[in-house]
C-alpha atoms as a PDB file:
ATOM      1  CA  MET A   1      59.735 106.133 109.688  1.00  0.00           C
ATOM      2  CA  ILE A   2      62.415 106.504 112.346  1.00  0.00           C
ATOM      3  CA  GLY A   3      61.261 108.747 115.159  1.00  0.00           C
ATOM      4  CA  LYS A   4      62.656 110.662 118.118  1.00  0.00           C
ATOM      5  CA  GLU A   5      62.177 107.674 120.425  1.00  0.00           C
ATOM      6  CA  VAL A   6      64.839 105.766 118.465  1.00  0.00           C
ATOM      7  CA  MET A   7      67.305 108.608 119.034  1.00  0.00           C
ATOM      8  CA  GLU A   8      66.487 108.591 122.749  1.00  0.00           C
ATOM      9  CA  ARG A   9      67.071 104.842 122.966  1.00  0.00           C
ATOM     10  CA  LEU A  10      70.424 105.282 121.276  1.00  0.00           C
ATOM     11  CA  LYS A  11      71.383 107.990 123.755  1.00  0.00           C
ATOM     12  CA  GLU A  12      70.698 105.571 126.583  1.00  0.00           C
ATOM     13  CA  ARG A  13      73.495 103.404 125.169  1.00  0.00           C
ATOM     14  CA  ILE A  14      76.151 106.128 125.218  1.00  0.00           C
ATOM     15  CA  GLY A  15      79.250 104.678 126.831  1.00  0.00           C
ATOM     16  CA  GLU A  16      78.488 101.176 125.601  1.00  0.00           C
ATOM     17  CA  ARG A  17      80.241  99.296 122.806  1.00  0.00           C
ATOM     18  CA  VAL A  18      78.253  99.092 119.577  1.00  0.00           C
ATOM     19  CA  THR A  19      78.642  97.753 116.058  1.00  0.00           C
ATOM     20  CA  VAL A  20      77.854 100.145 113.215  1.00  0.00           C
ATOM     21  CA  VAL A  21      77.117  98.911 109.702  1.00  0.00           C
ATOM     22  CA  TYR A  22      77.438 101.819 107.295  1.00  0.00           C
ATOM     23  CA  VAL A  23      78.190 102.589 103.671  1.00  0.00           C
ATOM     24  CA  TRP A  24      80.950 104.981 102.656  1.00  0.00           C
ATOM     25  CA  TYR A  25      81.050 105.999  98.980  1.00  0.00           C
ATOM     26  CA  GLY A  26      79.483 102.774  97.802  1.00  0.00           C
ATOM     27  CA  VAL A  27      81.434 100.401 100.052  1.00  0.00           C
ATOM     28  CA  GLN A  28      79.873  98.741 103.074  1.00  0.00           C
ATOM     29  CA  TYR A  29      81.805  98.749 106.362  1.00  0.00           C
ATOM     30  CA  CYS A  30      81.253  97.245 109.798  1.00  0.00           C
ATOM     31  CA  GLU A  31      82.935  99.089 112.654  1.00  0.00           C
ATOM     32  CA  GLN A  32      82.929  98.526 116.392  1.00  0.00           C
ATOM     33  CA  GLY A  33      83.511 101.176 119.012  1.00  0.00           C
ATOM     34  CA  VAL A  34      82.211 102.911 122.099  1.00  0.00           C
ATOM     35  CA  LEU A  35      79.190 105.106 121.425  1.00  0.00           C
ATOM     36  CA  LYS A  36      80.321 108.600 122.425  1.00  0.00           C
ATOM     37  CA  ALA A  37      77.445 110.818 121.257  1.00  0.00           C
ATOM     38  CA  VAL A  38      74.152 110.838 119.367  1.00  0.00           C
ATOM     39  CA  ASN A  39      73.181 113.991 117.483  1.00  0.00           C
ATOM     40  CA  ASP A  40      69.487 113.542 116.672  1.00  0.00           C
ATOM     41  CA  PHE A  41      68.951 112.411 113.074  1.00  0.00           C
ATOM     42  CA  LYS A  42      72.345 113.870 112.110  1.00  0.00           C
ATOM     43  CA  ASN A  43      75.130 111.548 113.222  1.00  0.00           C
ATOM     44  CA  ILE A  44      76.671 109.403 115.920  1.00  0.00           C
ATOM     45  CA  GLU A  45      80.183 109.463 117.306  1.00  0.00           C
ATOM     46  CA  ILE A  46      81.966 106.249 118.141  1.00  0.00           C
ATOM     47  CA  THR A  47      85.420 106.322 119.703  1.00  0.00           C
ATOM     48  CA  SER A  48      87.013 109.032 117.523  1.00  0.00           C
ATOM     49  CA  ALA A  49      84.844 108.834 114.404  1.00  0.00           C
ATOM     50  CA  GLY A  50      81.635 110.600 113.419  1.00  0.00           C
ATOM     51  CA  ILE A  51      79.243 108.773 111.078  1.00  0.00           C
ATOM     52  CA  PRO A  52      76.132 110.459 109.599  1.00  0.00           C
ATOM     53  CA  PHE A  53      72.746 108.769 109.692  1.00  0.00           C
ATOM     54  CA  VAL A  54      72.158 110.014 106.125  1.00  0.00           C
ATOM     55  CA  GLY A  55      74.941 112.109 104.674  1.00  0.00           C
ATOM     56  CA  TYR A  56      77.036 113.074 101.690  1.00  0.00           C
ATOM     57  CA  GLY A  57      78.242 109.756 100.284  1.00  0.00           C
ATOM     58  CA  CYS A  58      77.892 108.061 103.651  1.00  0.00           C
ATOM     59  CA  ALA A  59      74.964 106.646 105.657  1.00  0.00           C
ATOM     60  CA  ILE A  60      74.260 104.206 108.471  1.00  0.00           C
ATOM     61  CA  GLN A  61      72.350 101.003 107.803  1.00  0.00           C
ATOM     62  CA  LYS A  62      72.347  99.490 111.300  1.00  0.00           C
ATOM     63  CA  ILE A  63      73.554 100.082 114.835  1.00  0.00           C
ATOM     64  CA  ILE A  64      73.753  96.954 116.976  1.00  0.00           C
ATOM     65  CA  GLY A  65      74.192  96.847 120.732  1.00  0.00           C
ATOM     66  CA  LYS A  66      75.187  94.000 123.029  1.00  0.00           C
ATOM     67  CA  ASP A  67      71.580  92.859 123.294  1.00  0.00           C
ATOM     68  CA  GLY A  68      70.431  93.375 119.725  1.00  0.00           C
ATOM     69  CA  GLU A  69      69.622  95.910 117.049  1.00  0.00           C
ATOM     70  CA  LEU A  70      69.246  99.546 118.154  1.00  0.00           C
ATOM     71  CA  TYR A  71      68.744 101.252 114.810  1.00  0.00           C
ATOM     72  CA  GLU A  72      68.028 100.234 111.228  1.00  0.00           C
ATOM     73  CA  ASN A  73      67.357 102.256 108.100  1.00  0.00           C
ATOM     74  CA  PRO A  74      66.088  99.983 105.291  1.00  0.00           C
ATOM     75  CA  LEU A  75      66.275 102.897 102.833  1.00  0.00           C
ATOM     76  CA  ILE A  76      70.081 102.752 102.790  1.00  0.00           C
ATOM     77  CA  PRO A  77      71.337 100.262 100.182  1.00  0.00           C
ATOM     78  CA  SER A  78      74.711  98.552 100.473  1.00  0.00           C
ATOM     79  CA  ASP A  79      76.031 100.642  97.568  1.00  0.00           C
ATOM     80  CA  TYR A  80      74.846 104.020  98.916  1.00  0.00           C
ATOM     81  CA  ASP A  81      76.842 106.838  97.316  1.00  0.00           C
ATOM     82  CA  VAL A  82      74.510 109.855  97.145  1.00  0.00           C
ATOM     83  CA  ARG A  83      76.289 113.191  96.688  1.00  0.00           C
ATOM     84  CA  ASP A  84      73.380 115.347  95.564  1.00  0.00           C
ATOM     85  CA  PHE A  85      71.863 117.351  98.412  1.00  0.00           C
ATOM     86  CA  GLU A  86      68.355 117.302  96.938  1.00  0.00           C
ATOM     87  CA  LYS A  87      68.448 113.522  96.808  1.00  0.00           C
ATOM     88  CA  ILE A  88      69.898 113.371 100.308  1.00  0.00           C
ATOM     89  CA  ASP A  89      67.083 115.604 101.566  1.00  0.00           C
ATOM     90  CA  LYS A  90      64.511 113.223 100.061  1.00  0.00           C
ATOM     91  CA  ILE A  91      66.075 110.244 101.816  1.00  0.00           C
ATOM     92  CA  VAL A  92      66.171 112.200 105.084  1.00  0.00           C
ATOM     93  CA  ALA A  93      62.469 113.076 104.663  1.00  0.00           C
ATOM     94  CA  LEU A  94      61.525 109.454 104.006  1.00  0.00           C
ATOM     95  CA  SER A  95      63.701 108.247 106.884  1.00  0.00           C
ATOM     96  CA  PHE A  96      62.906 110.809 109.580  1.00  0.00           C
ATOM     97  CA  GLY A  97      60.064 112.968 108.271  1.00  0.00           C
ATOM     98  CA  GLU A  98      59.719 116.134 106.204  1.00  0.00           C
ATOM     99  CA  GLU A  99      60.088 118.365 109.268  1.00  0.00           C
ATOM    100  CA  ILE A 100      63.582 117.047 109.983  1.00  0.00           C
ATOM    101  CA  ALA A 101      64.537 117.332 106.312  1.00  0.00           C
ATOM    102  CA  GLU A 102      63.369 120.954 106.211  1.00  0.00           C
ATOM    103  CA  GLU A 103      65.288 121.737 109.391  1.00  0.00           C
ATOM    104  CA  PHE A 104      68.462 120.341 107.854  1.00  0.00           C
ATOM    105  CA  ARG A 105      67.866 122.235 104.597  1.00  0.00           C
ATOM    106  CA  LYS A 106      67.494 125.549 106.408  1.00  0.00           C
ATOM    107  CA  LYS A 107      70.591 124.956 108.499  1.00  0.00           C
ATOM    108  CA  ARG A 108      72.622 124.047 105.434  1.00  0.00           C
ATOM    109  CA  GLU A 109      71.436 127.169 103.598  1.00  0.00           C
ATOM    110  CA  GLU A 110      72.334 129.328 106.593  1.00  0.00           C
ATOM    111  CA  GLU A 111      75.791 127.777 106.791  1.00  0.00           C
ATOM    112  CA  GLU A 112      76.337 128.234 103.051  1.00  0.00           C
ATOM    113  CA  LYS A 113      75.249 131.882 103.286  1.00  0.00           C
ATOM    114  CA  ALA A 114      77.568 132.488 106.250  1.00  0.00           C
ATOM    115  CA  TRP A 115      80.441 130.824 104.417  1.00  0.00           C
ATOM    116  CA  ARG A 116      79.911 132.904 101.259  1.00  0.00           C
ATOM    117  CA  LYS A 117      80.026 136.052 103.381  1.00  0.00           C
ATOM    118  CA  LYS A 118      83.196 134.902 105.134  1.00  0.00           C
ATOM    119  CA  GLU A 119      84.773 133.846 101.837  1.00  0.00           C
ATOM    120  CA  THR A 120      84.119 137.286 100.350  1.00  0.00           C
ATOM    121  CA  GLN A 121      85.784 138.927 103.346  1.00  0.00           C
ATOM    122  CA  LEU A 122      88.782 136.587 103.240  1.00  0.00           C
ATOM    123  CA  ASN A 123      89.247 137.284  99.525  1.00  0.00           C
ATOM    124  CA  LYS A 124      89.197 141.027 100.195  1.00  0.00           C
ATOM    125  CA  GLU A 125      91.778 140.662 102.952  1.00  0.00           C
ATOM    126  CA  ILE A 126      94.266 138.705 100.859  1.00  0.00           C
ATOM    127  CA  LYS A 127      93.922 141.163  97.982  1.00  0.00           C
ATOM    128  CA  LYS A 128      94.837 143.974 100.375  1.00  0.00           C
ATOM    129  CA  LYS A 129      97.964 142.039 101.383  1.00  0.00           C
ATOM    130  CA  ALA A 130      98.915 141.184  97.810  1.00  0.00           C
ATOM    131  CA  LEU A 131     101.324 144.054  97.075  1.00  0.00           C
ATOM    132  CA  LEU A 132     103.170 143.626 100.377  1.00  0.00           C
ATOM    133  CA  LEU A 133     103.531 139.864  99.855  1.00  0.00           C
ATOM    134  CA  ILE A 134     104.791 140.391  96.324  1.00  0.00           C
ATOM    135  CA  ARG A 135     107.421 142.882  97.486  1.00  0.00           C
ATOM    136  CA  GLU A 136     108.514 140.819 100.499  1.00  0.00           C
ATOM    137  CA  GLY A 137     108.876 137.762  98.311  1.00  0.00           C
ATOM    138  CA  GLU A 138     110.727 139.679  95.647  1.00  0.00           C
ATOM    139  CA  ALA A 139     113.385 140.588  98.218  1.00  0.00           C
ATOM    140  CA  VAL A 140     114.250 136.964  99.044  1.00  0.00           C
ATOM    141  CA  VAL A 141     113.740 134.915  95.863  1.00  0.00           C
ATOM    142  CA  LYS A 142     116.503 134.032  93.435  1.00  0.00           C
ATOM    143  CA  PRO A 143     117.409 137.264  91.603  1.00  0.00           C
ATOM    144  CA  GLU A 144     116.817 135.722  88.191  1.00  0.00           C
ATOM    145  CA  LEU A 145     113.288 134.714  89.206  1.00  0.00           C
ATOM    146  CA  LYS A 146     112.024 138.078  90.491  1.00  0.00           C
ATOM    147  CA  ASN A 147     109.840 138.768  87.468  1.00  0.00           C
ATOM    148  CA  GLU A 148     108.449 135.256  87.529  1.00  0.00           C
ATOM    149  CA  TRP A 149     107.740 135.590  91.262  1.00  0.00           C
ATOM    150  CA  ASN A 150     105.833 138.809  90.661  1.00  0.00           C
ATOM    151  CA  LYS A 151     103.615 137.144  88.077  1.00  0.00           C
ATOM    152  CA  PHE A 152     103.075 134.066  90.242  1.00  0.00           C
ATOM    153  CA  ALA A 153     102.262 136.018  93.404  1.00  0.00           C
ATOM    154  CA  SER A 154      99.989 138.467  91.579  1.00  0.00           C
ATOM    155  CA  ARG A 155      98.005 135.649  89.994  1.00  0.00           C
ATOM    156  CA  ASN A 156      97.676 133.673  93.225  1.00  0.00           C
ATOM    157  CA  THR A 157      96.571 136.453  95.573  1.00  0.00           C
ATOM    158  CA  GLN A 158      93.132 136.841  94.007  1.00  0.00           C
ATOM    159  CA  ASP A 159      91.477 134.377  96.409  1.00  0.00           C
ATOM    160  CA  PHE A 160      92.133 133.504 100.037  1.00  0.00           C
ATOM    161  CA  TYR A 161      92.991 129.836  99.451  1.00  0.00           C
ATOM    162  CA  SER A 162      95.800 130.377  96.958  1.00  0.00           C
ATOM    163  CA  GLY A 163      96.704 133.591  98.777  1.00  0.00           C
ATOM    164  CA  ALA A 164      97.430 131.608 101.937  1.00  0.00           C
ATOM    165  CA  VAL A 165      99.941 129.553  99.945  1.00  0.00           C
ATOM    166  CA  VAL A 166     101.687 132.743  98.849  1.00  0.00           C
ATOM    167  CA  GLU A 167     101.693 134.163 102.379  1.00  0.00           C
ATOM    168  CA  ALA A 168     103.084 130.959 103.899  1.00  0.00           C
ATOM    169  CA  THR A 169     105.712 130.771 101.169  1.00  0.00           C
ATOM    170  CA  VAL A 170     106.867 134.309 101.942  1.00  0.00           C
ATOM    171  CA  ARG A 171     107.069 133.565 105.662  1.00  0.00           C
ATOM    172  CA  ILE A 172     109.210 130.492 105.093  1.00  0.00           C
ATOM    173  CA  MET A 173     111.485 132.156 102.548  1.00  0.00           C
ATOM    174  CA  LYS A 174     112.107 135.141 104.840  1.00  0.00           C
ATOM    175  CA  VAL A 175     113.160 132.858 107.691  1.00  0.00           C
ATOM    176  CA  LEU A 176     115.417 130.842 105.386  1.00  0.00           C
ATOM    177  CA  SER A 177     117.008 134.104 104.213  1.00  0.00           C
ATOM    178  CA  GLU A 178     117.763 134.927 107.837  1.00  0.00           C
ATOM    179  CA  GLY A 179     119.926 131.802 107.964  1.00  0.00           C
ATOM    180  CA  ARG A 180     117.626 129.775 110.171  1.00  0.00           C
ATOM    181  CA  SER A 181     116.868 126.086 109.627  1.00  0.00           C
ATOM    182  CA  PRO A 182     114.150 124.676 107.344  1.00  0.00           C
ATOM    183  CA  ALA A 183     112.400 123.271 110.437  1.00  0.00           C
ATOM    184  CA  GLU A 184     112.318 126.730 112.030  1.00  0.00           C
ATOM    185  CA  ALA A 185     111.033 128.186 108.779  1.00  0.00           C
ATOM    186  CA  GLU A 186     108.227 125.650 108.500  1.00  0.00           C
ATOM    187  CA  ALA A 187     107.242 126.231 112.127  1.00  0.00           C
ATOM    188  CA  THR A 188     106.400 129.865 111.346  1.00  0.00           C
ATOM    189  CA  VAL A 189     103.330 128.794 109.361  1.00  0.00           C
ATOM    190  CA  ASN A 190     101.970 126.182 111.777  1.00  0.00           C
ATOM    191  CA  GLU A 191      99.356 128.514 113.228  1.00  0.00           C
ATOM    192  CA  MET A 192      97.970 129.340 109.777  1.00  0.00           C
ATOM    193  CA  GLY A 193      96.012 126.086 109.736  1.00  0.00           C
ATOM    194  CA  LEU A 194      96.901 125.216 106.147  1.00  0.00           C
ATOM    195  CA  THR A 195      95.517 122.061 104.584  1.00  0.00           C
ATOM    196  CA  GLY A 196      97.728 119.265 103.322  1.00  0.00           C
ATOM    197  CA  PHE A 197      96.979 120.498  99.794  1.00  0.00           C
ATOM    198  CA  GLN A 198      98.244 123.955 100.629  1.00  0.00           C
ATOM    199  CA  MET A 199     101.393 122.850 102.457  1.00  0.00           C
ATOM    200  CA  GLY A 200     102.367 120.616  99.561  1.00  0.00           C
ATOM    201  CA  CYS A 201     102.135 123.644  97.301  1.00  0.00           C
ATOM    202  CA  VAL A 202     104.081 125.841  99.700  1.00  0.00           C
ATOM    203  CA  ALA A 203     106.952 123.350  99.705  1.00  0.00           C
ATOM    204  CA  GLN A 204     107.027 123.247  95.906  1.00  0.00           C
ATOM    205  CA  VAL A 205     107.023 127.025  95.605  1.00  0.00           C
ATOM    206  CA  VAL A 206     109.758 127.520  98.212  1.00  0.00           C
ATOM    207  CA  VAL A 207     111.937 124.918  96.507  1.00  0.00           C
ATOM    208  CA  TYR A 208     111.486 126.570  93.137  1.00  0.00           C
ATOM    209  CA  PHE A 209     111.979 130.209  94.086  1.00  0.00           C
ATOM    210  CA  HIS A 210     114.343 130.361  97.065  1.00  0.00           C
ATOM    211  CA  PRO A 211     118.176 130.135  96.943  1.00  0.00           C
ATOM    212  CA  ARG A 212     118.026 127.512  99.710  1.00  0.00           C
ATOM    213  CA  GLY A 213     115.281 125.634  97.922  1.00  0.00           C
ATOM    214  CA  GLU A 214     117.270 122.422  97.508  1.00  0.00           C
ATOM    215  CA  GLU A 215     118.057 122.342 101.212  1.00  0.00           C
ATOM    216  CA  PHE A 216     114.380 122.843 102.011  1.00  0.00           C
ATOM    217  CA  ARG A 217     113.426 120.134  99.496  1.00  0.00           C
ATOM    218  CA  GLN A 218     115.674 117.608 101.239  1.00  0.00           C
ATOM    219  CA  TYR A 219     114.261 118.571 104.639  1.00  0.00           C
ATOM    220  CA  TRP A 220     110.675 118.397 103.389  1.00  0.00           C
ATOM    221  CA  ASN A 221     111.056 115.057 101.619  1.00  0.00           C
ATOM    222  CA  ARG A 222     112.659 113.448 104.681  1.00  0.00           C
ATOM    223  CA  GLN A 223     109.378 113.943 106.528  1.00  0.00           C
ATOM    224  CA  PHE A 224     107.663 111.547 104.133  1.00  0.00           C
ATOM    225  CA  LEU A 225     110.475 109.353 102.813  1.00  0.00           C
ATOM    226  CA  SER A 226     113.352 107.395 104.272  1.00  0.00           C
ATOM    227  CA  GLU A 227     116.773 109.054 104.313  1.00  0.00           C
ATOM    228  CA  GLU A 228     117.872 107.041 101.296  1.00  0.00           C
ATOM    229  CA  GLU A 229     114.656 107.696  99.355  1.00  0.00           C
ATOM    230  CA  ALA A 230     114.876 111.408 100.139  1.00  0.00           C
ATOM    231  CA  LYS A 231     118.390 111.569  98.706  1.00  0.00           C
ATOM    232  CA  LYS A 232     117.312 109.851  95.487  1.00  0.00           C
ATOM    233  CA  ALA A 233     114.047 111.745  95.025  1.00  0.00           C
ATOM    234  CA  LYS A 234     114.262 114.409  92.325  1.00  0.00           C
ATOM    235  CA  GLY A 235     110.997 116.213  92.961  1.00  0.00           C
ATOM    236  CA  VAL A 236     109.078 117.542  95.936  1.00  0.00           C
ATOM    237  CA  VAL A 237     106.868 115.142  97.851  1.00  0.00           C
ATOM    238  CA  ASN A 238     103.304 116.402  97.952  1.00  0.00           C
ATOM    239  CA  PRO A 239     101.243 114.722 100.708  1.00  0.00           C
ATOM    240  CA  ALA A 240      98.081 115.616  98.804  1.00  0.00           C
ATOM    241  CA  VAL A 241      97.216 116.139  95.150  1.00  0.00           C
ATOM    242  CA  PHE A 242      96.882 119.813  94.302  1.00  0.00           C
ATOM    243  CA  THR A 243      98.181 121.965  91.479  1.00  0.00           C
ATOM    244  CA  ILE A 244      99.024 125.638  91.716  1.00  0.00           C
ATOM    245  CA  SER A 245     100.313 127.506  88.707  1.00  0.00           C
ATOM    246  CA  LEU A 246     103.919 128.695  88.783  1.00  0.00           C
ATOM    247  CA  ARG A 247     103.907 130.002  85.234  1.00  0.00           C
END
């Protein structure tokens, strides 16, 4: 069993260059970097990456310093790809002890409870905004698509994640309708902290519904394609795979 003393020895090597052998979704990797931090039994940070000792789909097999091995977990196979939290907890218990496993379980449950509470609040907030977003969007979309916009916006303001796509779309369309550039329009949603999934959807929705959609499409695609490729591309580049219903 790997004890606290191993974590302390690792902490003594913070600032030194180490080699980490770990498995990420069934594939073994060997990475070198400066050891930046050691979070007891949870993870290490090297250079700019965080790697869990035993985590979701990823786990460390060995950590090697300049003068030899600093950490080894023989319970981690070279094809480790565990994504079931109960199974992960068992490996944590066998690796570090039941007390550590229980501590992690409680923390995870607390975080999940806090997130569910926050998610409920965020869903309530977007539903309160729904009518305003629908009306604001209706004022700037292509006239022939007003009814379709209403259906789309109504359907996608039932949860905060899709609702953020609708809100960002409205912001961008309003700025485009003011005659400002696509770059200025996109900048208005930067502080929303949207994921790549969401922004890809926003671009698709703006292109479909707004009178300046084609102009925005060309601007958007040029961020991911060459000038020539952007001109030839018929669709909207989505930097991540995500589908949101338009109809």
